[in-house]
Amino acid sequence: MVTKVRTYGTSGGSLKCREPNSEDLTAKVVGDFGKWQLNISLLMALLKLPLAWYQLNIIFMAPPQDFWCAKPDSFSNYSEEEWRSLCSPDVEEHPCLIYDPDILVTAPNMDRSLIPLVACTKFIYDQSLFRRTIISDWNLVCTKHWLIHLTQCVMMWGVVVGGILFGIVADKYGRKIPLVVGLVVQTIASYIVSVIPWYWSFLTVWFVLALASGGIGIISFVVCMEVVSGKYRTTIPILYQLPFGLGSAVMASLAYWLRDWRKLEFALATFSSLFLLYWFWIPESPRWLLATGQTEKAIEILREAAKKNGRNYDPIYLKLLVGKLKPQISKGPGFLAFFKSKNMRAKTLLLSVSWFCTGLSFYTFAQYIGLIGGNIFLAVALSGIISAIGAMSSAFVITKTGRKTTVGIYQLLTAICFVMLLVVPKDLYVNNWPRLLFAGIGFAGMAGSIPALYLFSGELFPTIGRNVGVSGVTTFARIASMIAPAVVSLESFAANLPVILLTIVSFIQMIVLLPLPETKDTPLPNTLRQAEQF
């Protein structure tokens, strides 16, 4: 039996799954989908919860927080409001610079234009909403404000690198062991992050946590893809994304209750530790075992899976089927190979731009949610729940209208919501409920377009290079996520400037989608030549 290499990928890395060309042995034995596949798919999907917690945690680690310069002892006769009014230049919202207090204390009525400005050396933080943040712990304001952006950049860079490293390890040592190792590292690193007192040490452990998050993301996705067959390989990758939105809702609930980033991190670490039970709950991927010649282990797992699905196979017949497998590794093209031909170059560039815009929109808006107005906890929770609904509806829409159309519909919905956020002013309604509603629907649009775009991207690349192609273009989403904090900071220069930029980006997404062909009900290309002609 001739074999081929089917590869799957996420934005972080790649894993190979070799399977028969004419017959999928695993599907033949256990079926396309049953109780066994459902159990594993649910377990893998639940791992999207901690992925949301750590990749979006910056929302509650460094939320918008008012601060002012601490009052010197020499101004003890002044109230806090009098001191702030006295020392702060009118041109500054936050007093990174103040009038020289040594002069103010002797001449409080002196013409301010004659008093030099000096840097504030100690700050007081508003604790009415959050008792402790990384901003207040390490004074990440004024000249240190950029460290907030660096924190999120380190997280997203670690996710990319972790996906690549864990992908390589999982190809060599299997899916289960690297996945559990990632879960162990994630739990331990999260506990350490919750107590570590120094910023740069925190950032180092934060990167290790990100590596684990990236590895868990890719391995869990591939395991989902490897246990299902047939039509379920269209719906499972979309439904797999659902818990991500629910994860942000859970995180918002915990943040509302705890109001302290260290306690929140400790709580998330505790919840993450429950996933260590996966060592007892999930089997090794039988596809990987068959691909690496570990037939006895594969047969044992397949027999248990078939039994759970109500399918019985004679052990001798099963061994006979496995014995016919003679894996043959084939090497696909590298990512740069797609730039050598005109048609594939155009599709690869358009997909790269689309994924960049997708990453920029999602991660910028996720961090901007606290500036929309109203209750930040309600905004994040509502957006998470609605985004889960958006991803669920995408699984239905994509089977009816096609991949390209589905992506376009949800991107248009997102763009309309951004426009409405610009139209509806802040503080006009109680709790800014219309803005929160549009924000939630906008998240639903993004949550619906991302899995559809992922599937659409995979079908535009040839089978022999699908993993490389999809991994390559989706990496641009991670790159965009690294600059998302800088885009959010544009709000300090002009109100609604980040939303204006996101609105423009959303329409760019729809424009770059137009030249791409629809892939619904069309034969997928197997070779680079077929993909060029598609």
Protein backbone atom coordinates (compact mmCIF):
# COMPACT_ATOMS: atom_id res chain seq x y z
CA MET A 1 0.00 0.00 0.00
CA VAL A 2 1.49 3.32 -1.06
CA THR A 3 1.51 6.02 1.57
CA LYS A 4 1.65 9.73 1.49
CA VAL A 5 2.41 12.34 4.11
CA ARG A 6 -0.48 14.47 5.25
CA THR A 7 0.59 17.42 7.33
CA TYR A 8 -1.32 19.70 9.60
CA GLY A 9 -0.22 22.97 11.15
CA THR A 10 -1.11 25.97 13.16
CA SER A 11 0.52 29.35 13.20
CA GLY A 12 3.11 28.09 15.65
CA GLY A 13 4.66 25.05 13.97
CA SER A 14 4.11 21.75 12.22
CA LEU A 15 3.48 18.08 12.78
CA LYS A 16 3.42 15.26 10.25
CA CYS A 17 0.85 12.50 10.13
CA ARG A 18 1.56 9.77 7.57
CA GLU A 19 -1.42 7.81 6.36
CA PRO A 20 -2.36 5.41 3.56
CA ASN A 21 -3.10 6.89 0.19
CA SER A 22 -5.96 4.59 -0.85
CA GLU A 23 -7.34 3.68 2.55
CA ASP A 24 -7.26 5.29 5.97
CA LEU A 25 -6.60 2.36 8.28
CA THR A 26 -7.59 4.23 11.43
CA ALA A 27 -10.93 5.28 9.93
CA LYS A 28 -11.49 1.75 8.66
CA VAL A 29 -11.03 0.30 12.12
CA VAL A 30 -12.67 2.90 14.40
CA GLY A 31 -14.85 4.85 11.96
CA ASP A 32 -14.82 8.52 10.99
CA PHE A 33 -16.31 9.70 14.28
CA GLY A 34 -17.65 8.03 17.41
CA LYS A 35 -17.50 8.13 21.21
CA TRP A 36 -13.74 7.63 21.17
CA GLN A 37 -13.12 10.56 18.83
CA LEU A 38 -15.67 12.70 20.67
CA ASN A 39 -13.94 12.14 24.00
CA ILE A 40 -10.49 13.03 22.66
CA SER A 41 -11.76 15.99 20.64
CA LEU A 42 -13.46 17.46 23.72
CA LEU A 43 -10.35 16.99 25.83
CA MET A 44 -8.20 18.71 23.20
CA ALA A 45 -10.69 21.53 22.74
CA LEU A 46 -10.70 22.22 26.49
CA LEU A 47 -7.00 23.03 26.20
CA LYS A 48 -8.07 26.21 24.41
CA LEU A 49 -9.16 27.50 27.83
CA PRO A 50 -5.61 28.01 29.20
CA LEU A 51 -4.49 29.24 25.78
CA ALA A 52 -7.01 32.07 26.12
CA TRP A 53 -6.05 32.70 29.74
CA TYR A 54 -2.39 33.29 29.02
CA GLN A 55 -2.52 34.85 25.56
CA LEU A 56 -5.15 37.41 26.65
CA ASN A 57 -4.10 37.74 30.29
CA ILE A 58 -2.49 41.11 29.60
CA ILE A 59 -6.02 42.61 29.66
CA PHE A 60 -6.19 42.14 33.44
CA MET A 61 -2.46 42.14 34.19
CA ALA A 62 -2.07 45.67 32.81
CA PRO A 63 -5.55 47.24 32.58
CA PRO A 64 -6.09 51.00 32.23
CA GLN A 65 -5.16 52.39 35.63
CA ASP A 66 -5.06 55.99 36.78
CA PHE A 67 -1.98 57.18 38.66
CA TRP A 68 -0.41 60.36 39.96
CA CYS A 69 2.77 61.53 41.62
CA ALA A 70 3.11 60.73 45.31
CA LYS A 71 2.84 63.69 47.68
CA PRO A 72 6.15 64.61 49.37
CA ASP A 73 6.24 64.92 53.15
CA SER A 74 6.78 68.66 52.80
CA PHE A 75 3.22 68.93 51.40
CA SER A 76 1.53 67.08 54.25
CA ASN A 77 -0.75 70.07 54.91
CA TYR A 78 -2.25 69.73 51.43
CA SER A 79 -4.96 67.23 50.50
CA GLU A 80 -4.35 64.78 47.67
CA GLU A 81 -6.57 66.76 45.31
CA GLU A 82 -4.82 70.02 46.19
CA TRP A 83 -1.42 68.44 45.69
CA ARG A 84 -2.36 66.97 42.31
CA SER A 85 -3.79 70.27 41.14
CA LEU A 86 -0.71 72.13 42.37
CA CYS A 87 2.02 69.94 40.91
CA SER A 88 0.59 68.72 37.61
CA PRO A 89 1.01 70.64 34.35
CA ASP A 90 -2.30 71.02 32.53
CA VAL A 91 -0.80 69.60 29.34
CA GLU A 92 -0.31 66.14 30.87
CA GLU A 93 -3.05 63.63 31.64
CA HIS A 94 -0.66 61.67 33.88
CA PRO A 95 2.06 63.50 35.81
CA CYS A 96 5.24 61.89 34.56
CA LEU A 97 6.67 65.37 34.95
CA ILE A 98 5.69 67.73 37.76
CA TYR A 99 6.61 71.21 38.81
CA ASP A 100 9.70 71.17 41.01
CA PRO A 101 8.28 70.52 44.52
CA ASP A 102 11.25 72.20 46.19
CA ILE A 103 10.20 75.47 44.58
CA LEU A 104 6.47 74.87 44.97
CA VAL A 105 6.74 74.37 48.72
CA THR A 106 8.28 77.83 49.18
CA ALA A 107 6.36 79.66 46.43
CA PRO A 108 3.08 77.84 45.69
CA ASN A 109 1.63 80.87 43.86
CA MET A 110 4.65 81.44 41.64
CA ASP A 111 4.07 81.75 37.89
CA ARG A 112 4.17 78.16 36.61
CA SER A 113 6.04 79.13 33.47
CA LEU A 114 9.02 80.02 35.67
CA ILE A 115 9.08 76.71 37.54
CA PRO A 116 11.04 73.90 35.89
CA LEU A 117 9.54 70.46 35.38
CA VAL A 118 11.19 67.46 37.02
CA ALA A 119 10.54 63.74 36.74
CA CYS A 120 8.26 62.22 39.34
CA THR A 121 10.12 59.56 41.30
CA LYS A 122 7.23 57.84 43.12
CA PHE A 123 3.68 57.16 42.00
CA ILE A 124 0.33 56.44 43.61
CA TYR A 125 -2.07 54.13 41.75
CA ASP A 126 -5.84 54.14 41.74
CA GLN A 127 -6.92 50.90 43.46
CA SER A 128 -10.66 51.39 43.18
CA LEU A 129 -10.95 48.78 40.41
CA PHE A 130 -7.75 46.69 40.65
CA ARG A 131 -5.84 46.34 43.88
CA ARG A 132 -2.66 45.23 42.13
CA THR A 133 -1.44 45.12 38.51
CA ILE A 134 1.95 44.66 36.90
CA ILE A 135 1.80 48.41 36.31
CA SER A 136 1.61 49.21 40.01
CA ASP A 137 3.99 46.42 41.04
CA TRP A 138 6.81 47.54 38.77
CA ASN A 139 5.88 51.16 37.99
CA LEU A 140 5.35 50.48 34.28
CA VAL A 141 4.40 54.07 33.52
CA CYS A 142 6.00 57.01 31.76
CA THR A 143 9.44 55.93 30.49
CA LYS A 144 8.69 52.30 31.49
CA HIS A 145 5.30 52.11 29.79
CA TRP A 146 6.81 50.32 26.79
CA LEU A 147 7.52 47.33 29.02
CA ILE A 148 3.78 46.54 28.97
CA HIS A 149 4.01 46.14 25.19
CA LEU A 150 7.18 44.08 25.60
CA THR A 151 5.33 41.72 27.97
CA GLN A 152 2.74 40.87 25.31
CA CYS A 153 5.37 40.68 22.56
CA VAL A 154 7.33 38.14 24.60
CA MET A 155 4.17 36.07 25.07
CA MET A 156 3.31 35.96 21.36
CA TRP A 157 6.89 35.37 20.27
CA GLY A 158 7.09 32.49 22.74
CA VAL A 159 3.89 31.01 21.29
CA VAL A 160 5.43 31.02 17.80
CA VAL A 161 8.74 29.48 18.94
CA GLY A 162 6.97 26.98 21.20
CA GLY A 163 4.83 25.75 18.34
CA ILE A 164 7.89 25.11 16.22
CA LEU A 165 9.95 23.42 18.95
CA PHE A 166 7.15 21.27 20.31
CA GLY A 167 6.15 20.36 16.75
CA ILE A 168 9.60 18.97 16.06
CA VAL A 169 9.68 17.08 19.36
CA ALA A 170 6.18 15.68 18.84
CA ASP A 171 7.15 14.34 15.42
CA LYS A 172 9.99 12.42 17.01
CA TYR A 173 8.62 11.35 20.39
CA GLY A 174 4.87 11.24 19.80
CA ARG A 175 1.97 13.49 20.71
CA LYS A 176 1.18 12.47 24.28
CA ILE A 177 4.51 12.95 26.05
CA PRO A 178 5.30 16.44 24.62
CA LEU A 179 1.70 17.52 25.29
CA VAL A 180 1.87 16.50 28.95
CA VAL A 181 5.33 18.06 29.27
CA GLY A 182 3.85 21.30 27.93
CA LEU A 183 1.04 21.10 30.47
CA VAL A 184 3.52 20.55 33.31
CA VAL A 185 5.70 23.47 32.20
CA GLN A 186 2.62 25.67 31.78
CA THR A 187 1.42 24.94 35.32
CA ILE A 188 4.79 25.37 37.02
CA ALA A 189 5.64 28.54 35.08
CA SER A 190 2.26 30.05 35.89
CA TYR A 191 2.73 29.42 39.61
CA ILE A 192 6.21 30.99 39.46
CA VAL A 193 4.91 34.02 37.57
CA SER A 194 2.31 34.62 40.27
CA VAL A 195 4.94 35.12 43.00
CA ILE A 196 8.15 36.29 41.30
CA PRO A 197 9.10 39.79 42.54
CA TRP A 198 11.40 41.04 39.76
CA TYR A 199 10.16 42.17 36.34
CA TRP A 200 12.98 40.80 34.18
CA SER A 201 12.85 37.44 35.94
CA PHE A 202 9.09 37.49 35.45
CA LEU A 203 9.59 38.14 31.75
CA THR A 204 11.95 35.15 31.45
CA VAL A 205 9.46 32.79 33.08
CA TRP A 206 6.66 34.42 31.05
CA PHE A 207 8.52 33.42 27.87
CA VAL A 208 8.83 29.82 29.12
CA LEU A 209 5.10 29.85 29.81
CA ALA A 210 4.52 31.11 26.27
CA LEU A 211 6.66 28.30 24.83
CA ALA A 212 4.45 25.76 26.59
CA SER A 213 1.29 27.53 25.43
CA GLY A 214 2.44 27.44 21.81
CA GLY A 215 3.33 23.76 22.04
CA ILE A 216 0.03 22.81 23.65
CA GLY A 217 -1.82 24.70 20.94
CA ILE A 218 -0.29 22.89 18.01
CA ILE A 219 -0.25 19.40 19.52
CA SER A 220 -3.87 19.57 20.70
CA PHE A 221 -4.98 20.74 17.26
CA VAL A 222 -3.12 17.96 15.47
CA VAL A 223 -4.42 15.29 17.83
CA CYS A 224 -7.95 16.50 17.04
CA MET A 225 -7.23 16.19 13.33
CA GLU A 226 -5.59 12.79 13.66
CA VAL A 227 -8.44 11.05 15.46
CA VAL A 228 -11.23 12.10 13.07
CA SER A 229 -11.75 11.36 9.40
CA GLY A 230 -14.04 12.18 6.50
CA LYS A 231 -16.35 15.18 6.70
CA TYR A 232 -15.49 15.73 10.36
CA ARG A 233 -12.14 17.20 9.35
CA THR A 234 -14.11 20.24 8.20
CA THR A 235 -16.21 20.81 11.33
CA ILE A 236 -13.88 19.64 14.12
CA PRO A 237 -11.17 22.32 13.47
CA ILE A 238 -13.87 24.98 13.79
CA LEU A 239 -15.60 23.56 16.86
CA TYR A 240 -12.16 23.06 18.42
CA GLN A 241 -11.91 26.86 18.68
CA LEU A 242 -15.07 27.32 20.79
CA PRO A 243 -13.53 27.12 24.29
CA PHE A 244 -11.12 29.98 23.52
CA GLY A 245 -13.94 32.51 23.85
CA LEU A 246 -15.30 30.76 26.91
CA GLY A 247 -11.80 30.88 28.40
CA SER A 248 -11.76 34.67 28.26
CA ALA A 249 -15.18 34.72 29.97
CA VAL A 250 -13.87 32.48 32.77
CA MET A 251 -10.80 34.70 33.13
CA ALA A 252 -12.98 37.82 33.35
CA SER A 253 -15.07 36.23 36.11
CA LEU A 254 -11.98 35.34 38.13
CA ALA A 255 -10.49 38.80 37.61
CA TYR A 256 -13.74 40.40 38.85
CA TRP A 257 -13.64 38.29 41.99
CA LEU A 258 -9.91 38.61 42.76
CA ARG A 259 -8.95 42.13 41.48
CA ASP A 260 -5.26 41.24 41.85
CA TRP A 261 -3.10 40.02 38.96
CA ARG A 262 -0.98 37.76 41.18
CA LYS A 263 -4.03 36.05 42.71
CA LEU A 264 -5.51 35.73 39.23
CA GLU A 265 -2.34 34.11 37.92
CA PHE A 266 -2.27 31.73 40.88
CA ALA A 267 -5.91 30.79 40.27
CA LEU A 268 -5.26 30.17 36.56
CA ALA A 269 -2.24 28.03 37.46
CA THR A 270 -4.41 25.98 39.79
CA PHE A 271 -7.04 25.42 37.11
CA SER A 272 -4.28 24.59 34.61
CA SER A 273 -2.92 21.93 36.95
CA LEU A 274 -6.13 19.94 36.47
CA PHE A 275 -5.07 19.26 32.87
CA LEU A 276 -2.18 17.15 34.18
CA LEU A 277 -4.77 14.38 34.49
CA TYR A 278 -4.55 14.09 30.70
CA TRP A 279 -1.64 11.70 31.23
CA PHE A 280 -4.24 9.14 32.37
CA TRP A 281 -7.03 10.16 30.01
CA ILE A 282 -5.57 10.39 26.51
CA PRO A 283 -3.83 7.70 24.44
CA GLU A 284 -0.95 8.15 22.05
CA SER A 285 -2.00 8.97 18.50
CA PRO A 286 -2.44 5.65 16.67
CA ARG A 287 -1.61 7.36 13.39
CA TRP A 288 1.75 8.45 14.75
CA LEU A 289 2.42 4.97 16.14
CA LEU A 290 1.65 3.38 12.78
CA ALA A 291 3.79 5.95 10.98
CA THR A 292 6.77 5.16 13.20
CA GLY A 293 6.37 1.40 13.00
CA GLN A 294 5.11 0.85 16.57
CA THR A 295 2.38 -1.47 15.36
CA GLU A 296 1.75 -3.43 18.56
CA LYS A 297 1.00 -0.27 20.54
CA ALA A 298 -1.13 1.06 17.68
CA ILE A 299 -3.14 -2.17 17.47
CA GLU A 300 -3.86 -2.09 21.20
CA ILE A 301 -5.14 1.50 21.04
CA LEU A 302 -7.16 0.84 17.88
CA ARG A 303 -8.82 -2.20 19.47
CA GLU A 304 -9.84 -0.16 22.53
CA ALA A 305 -11.09 2.67 20.29
CA ALA A 306 -13.08 0.32 18.07
CA LYS A 307 -14.65 -1.30 21.13
CA LYS A 308 -15.68 2.09 22.51
CA ASN A 309 -17.22 2.97 19.15
CA GLY A 310 -19.08 -0.33 19.00
CA ARG A 311 -16.91 -1.75 16.23
CA ASN A 312 -15.26 -5.13 16.75
CA TYR A 313 -12.21 -6.28 14.79
CA ASP A 314 -10.57 -9.67 14.96
CA PRO A 315 -7.00 -9.15 16.28
CA ILE A 316 -5.54 -11.34 13.51
CA TYR A 317 -7.34 -9.37 10.80
CA LEU A 318 -6.27 -6.11 12.40
CA LYS A 319 -2.64 -7.22 12.43
CA LEU A 320 -2.99 -8.22 8.79
CA LEU A 321 -4.22 -4.74 7.88
CA VAL A 322 -1.43 -3.10 9.82
CA GLY A 323 1.12 -5.39 8.23
CA LYS A 324 0.22 -4.06 4.79
CA LEU A 325 1.31 -0.56 5.78
CA LYS A 326 4.73 0.35 4.49
CA PRO A 327 5.21 4.00 5.33
CA GLN A 328 7.19 6.02 2.87
CA ILE A 329 8.17 9.54 3.79
CA SER A 330 7.86 12.18 1.11
CA LYS A 331 9.26 15.64 1.47
CA GLY A 332 7.11 18.59 0.55
CA PRO A 333 8.20 22.01 -0.67
CA GLY A 334 9.43 24.74 1.65
CA PHE A 335 7.46 27.94 2.20
CA LEU A 336 9.61 29.90 -0.26
CA ALA A 337 8.66 27.46 -3.02
CA PHE A 338 5.22 29.06 -3.14
CA PHE A 339 6.77 32.34 -4.28
CA LYS A 340 8.37 30.85 -7.39
CA SER A 341 5.20 30.64 -9.49
CA LYS A 342 2.89 33.53 -10.33
CA ASN A 343 -0.46 32.18 -9.13
CA MET A 344 0.77 30.64 -5.89
CA ARG A 345 2.87 33.71 -5.15
CA ALA A 346 -0.21 35.90 -5.43
CA LYS A 347 -2.33 33.60 -3.25
CA THR A 348 0.41 33.28 -0.63
CA LEU A 349 0.90 37.04 -0.44
CA LEU A 350 -2.84 37.71 -0.20
CA LEU A 351 -3.26 35.11 2.52
CA SER A 352 -0.28 36.51 4.42
CA VAL A 353 -1.80 40.01 4.35
CA SER A 354 -5.18 38.62 5.40
CA TRP A 355 -3.69 36.74 8.35
CA PHE A 356 -1.66 39.79 9.38
CA CYS A 357 -4.84 41.88 9.42
CA THR A 358 -6.67 39.12 11.31
CA GLY A 359 -4.02 38.92 14.02
CA LEU A 360 -3.80 42.69 14.31
CA SER A 361 -7.59 43.07 14.61
CA PHE A 362 -8.12 40.25 17.11
CA TYR A 363 -5.29 40.95 19.54
CA THR A 364 -5.61 44.74 19.34
CA PHE A 365 -9.34 44.63 19.97
CA ALA A 366 -8.91 42.08 22.76
CA GLN A 367 -6.64 44.52 24.59
CA TYR A 368 -8.67 47.60 23.61
CA ILE A 369 -11.84 46.20 25.16
CA GLY A 370 -11.06 47.88 28.48
CA LEU A 371 -11.14 51.30 26.82
CA ILE A 372 -14.54 50.89 25.17
CA GLY A 373 -16.27 52.10 28.28
CA GLY A 374 -18.44 50.54 30.93
CA ASN A 375 -17.49 47.50 32.97
CA ILE A 376 -14.25 45.91 31.73
CA PHE A 377 -15.14 42.56 33.32
CA LEU A 378 -18.55 42.48 31.68
CA ALA A 379 -17.07 43.58 28.36
CA VAL A 380 -14.48 40.78 28.28
CA ALA A 381 -16.91 38.11 29.50
CA LEU A 382 -19.64 39.13 27.08
CA SER A 383 -17.19 39.27 24.19
CA GLY A 384 -15.88 35.81 25.04
CA ILE A 385 -19.32 34.23 25.20
CA ILE A 386 -20.52 35.88 21.99
CA SER A 387 -17.29 34.94 20.20
CA ALA A 388 -17.96 31.28 21.09
CA ILE A 389 -21.38 31.63 19.49
CA GLY A 390 -19.72 33.19 16.45
CA ALA A 391 -17.34 30.26 16.04
CA MET A 392 -20.21 27.80 16.44
CA SER A 393 -22.30 29.53 13.79
CA SER A 394 -19.30 29.52 11.45
CA ALA A 395 -19.33 25.71 11.43
CA PHE A 396 -22.88 25.84 10.05
CA VAL A 397 -22.45 28.75 7.63
CA ILE A 398 -19.31 27.34 6.04
CA THR A 399 -21.09 24.16 4.94
CA LYS A 400 -23.81 26.20 3.24
CA THR A 401 -22.04 29.11 1.62
CA GLY A 402 -18.42 28.05 1.15
CA ARG A 403 -15.09 29.01 2.69
CA LYS A 404 -14.38 32.34 1.00
CA THR A 405 -17.95 33.59 1.40
CA THR A 406 -18.01 32.65 5.09
CA VAL A 407 -14.80 34.53 5.78
CA GLY A 408 -16.17 37.55 3.90
CA ILE A 409 -19.49 37.53 5.79
CA TYR A 410 -17.86 37.49 9.21
CA GLN A 411 -15.23 40.05 8.27
CA LEU A 412 -17.98 42.39 7.03
CA LEU A 413 -19.84 41.90 10.29
CA THR A 414 -16.69 42.82 12.22
CA ALA A 415 -16.10 45.93 10.09
CA ILE A 416 -19.69 47.12 10.63
CA CYS A 417 -19.28 46.75 14.40
CA PHE A 418 -16.08 48.80 14.34
CA VAL A 419 -17.91 51.54 12.44
CA MET A 420 -20.72 51.52 15.01
CA LEU A 421 -18.17 51.90 17.82
CA LEU A 422 -17.04 55.08 16.09
CA VAL A 423 -20.61 56.31 15.68
CA VAL A 424 -21.86 55.63 19.22
CA PRO A 425 -20.10 57.97 21.69
CA LYS A 426 -18.88 56.94 25.12
CA ASP A 427 -20.95 57.48 28.28
CA LEU A 428 -24.15 58.29 26.37
CA TYR A 429 -25.97 55.20 27.64
CA VAL A 430 -25.98 53.37 30.96
CA ASN A 431 -22.83 51.22 31.22
CA ASN A 432 -22.19 52.02 27.56
CA TRP A 433 -24.34 48.99 26.70
CA PRO A 434 -24.60 49.69 22.94
CA ARG A 435 -20.80 49.88 22.64
CA LEU A 436 -20.40 46.68 24.64
CA LEU A 437 -22.98 44.97 22.42
CA PHE A 438 -21.19 46.01 19.22
CA ALA A 439 -17.87 44.96 20.73
CA GLY A 440 -19.29 41.52 21.50
CA ILE A 441 -20.75 41.12 18.00
CA GLY A 442 -17.43 42.27 16.56
CA PHE A 443 -15.68 39.55 18.51
CA ALA A 444 -18.24 37.06 17.20
CA GLY A 445 -17.34 38.15 13.67
CA MET A 446 -13.65 37.62 14.27
CA ALA A 447 -14.27 34.31 16.03
CA GLY A 448 -16.28 33.14 13.03
CA SER A 449 -13.80 34.29 10.41
CA ILE A 450 -10.61 32.86 11.97
CA PRO A 451 -11.43 29.11 11.77
CA ALA A 452 -13.03 29.60 8.35
CA LEU A 453 -9.93 31.45 7.13
CA TYR A 454 -7.75 28.69 8.53
CA LEU A 455 -9.66 26.01 6.61
CA PHE A 456 -9.76 28.19 3.48
CA SER A 457 -6.00 28.73 3.64
CA GLY A 458 -5.32 25.02 3.97
CA GLU A 459 -7.40 24.18 0.91
CA LEU A 460 -5.54 26.67 -1.28
CA PHE A 461 -2.19 24.97 -0.67
CA PRO A 462 -1.26 21.57 -2.14
CA THR A 463 -1.36 18.47 0.03
CA ILE A 464 2.40 17.93 -0.09
CA GLY A 465 3.04 21.45 1.23
CA ARG A 466 -0.16 22.28 3.08
CA ASN A 467 1.38 22.35 6.53
CA VAL A 468 4.29 24.51 5.43
CA GLY A 469 2.00 26.90 3.57
CA VAL A 470 -0.58 27.32 6.33
CA SER A 471 2.07 27.60 9.04
CA GLY A 472 3.87 30.22 6.97
CA VAL A 473 0.91 32.52 6.30
CA THR A 474 -0.59 32.21 9.80
CA THR A 475 2.73 33.20 11.35
CA PHE A 476 1.93 36.73 10.14
CA ALA A 477 -0.99 36.78 12.59
CA ARG A 478 1.46 36.19 15.45
CA ILE A 479 3.75 38.91 14.13
CA ALA A 480 0.79 41.29 14.07
CA SER A 481 -0.12 40.34 17.63
CA MET A 482 3.27 41.61 18.79
CA ILE A 483 2.49 45.15 17.65
CA ALA A 484 -1.09 45.11 18.94
CA PRO A 485 -0.17 46.77 22.27
CA ALA A 486 1.43 49.67 20.37
CA VAL A 487 -1.78 50.12 18.36
CA VAL A 488 -3.83 50.21 21.56
CA SER A 489 -1.53 52.92 22.94
CA LEU A 490 -2.56 55.21 20.04
CA GLU A 491 -5.67 55.98 22.08
CA SER A 492 -3.50 58.33 24.17
CA PHE A 493 -2.77 60.41 21.07
CA ALA A 494 -6.31 60.63 19.71
CA ALA A 495 -9.61 59.19 20.91
CA ASN A 496 -10.83 56.18 18.89
CA LEU A 497 -7.66 56.13 16.77
CA PRO A 498 -7.16 52.36 17.35
CA VAL A 499 -10.76 51.67 16.25
CA ILE A 500 -10.31 53.83 13.15
CA LEU A 501 -7.23 51.81 12.25
CA LEU A 502 -9.03 48.51 12.89
CA THR A 503 -11.91 49.63 10.68
CA ILE A 504 -9.50 50.32 7.83
CA VAL A 505 -7.75 46.99 8.42
CA SER A 506 -11.09 45.13 8.31
CA PHE A 507 -11.95 46.55 4.90
CA ILE A 508 -8.45 45.71 3.66
CA GLN A 509 -9.10 42.11 4.71
CA MET A 510 -12.20 41.95 2.55
CA ILE A 511 -10.42 43.51 -0.44
CA VAL A 512 -7.51 41.04 -0.39
CA LEU A 513 -10.04 38.21 -0.18
CA LEU A 514 -11.70 39.06 -3.51
CA PRO A 515 -9.04 37.68 -5.94
CA LEU A 516 -8.84 34.32 -4.14
CA PRO A 517 -10.83 31.37 -5.57
CA GLU A 518 -13.61 29.55 -3.70
CA THR A 519 -12.61 26.02 -2.61
CA LYS A 520 -15.99 24.57 -1.62
CA ASP A 521 -16.90 21.42 -3.57
CA THR A 522 -13.68 21.55 -5.60
CA PRO A 523 -10.94 18.89 -5.70
CA LEU A 524 -8.06 19.94 -3.49
CA PRO A 525 -4.67 20.21 -5.20
CA ASN A 526 -2.18 17.50 -4.33
CA THR A 527 0.90 18.92 -6.04
CA LEU A 528 2.39 22.36 -6.45
CA ARG A 529 1.60 22.26 -10.16
CA GLN A 530 -2.09 21.55 -9.48
CA ALA A 531 -2.20 24.35 -6.91
CA GLU A 532 -0.72 26.74 -9.47
CA GLN A 533 -3.46 25.90 -11.94
CA PHE A 534 -6.25 26.17 -9.31
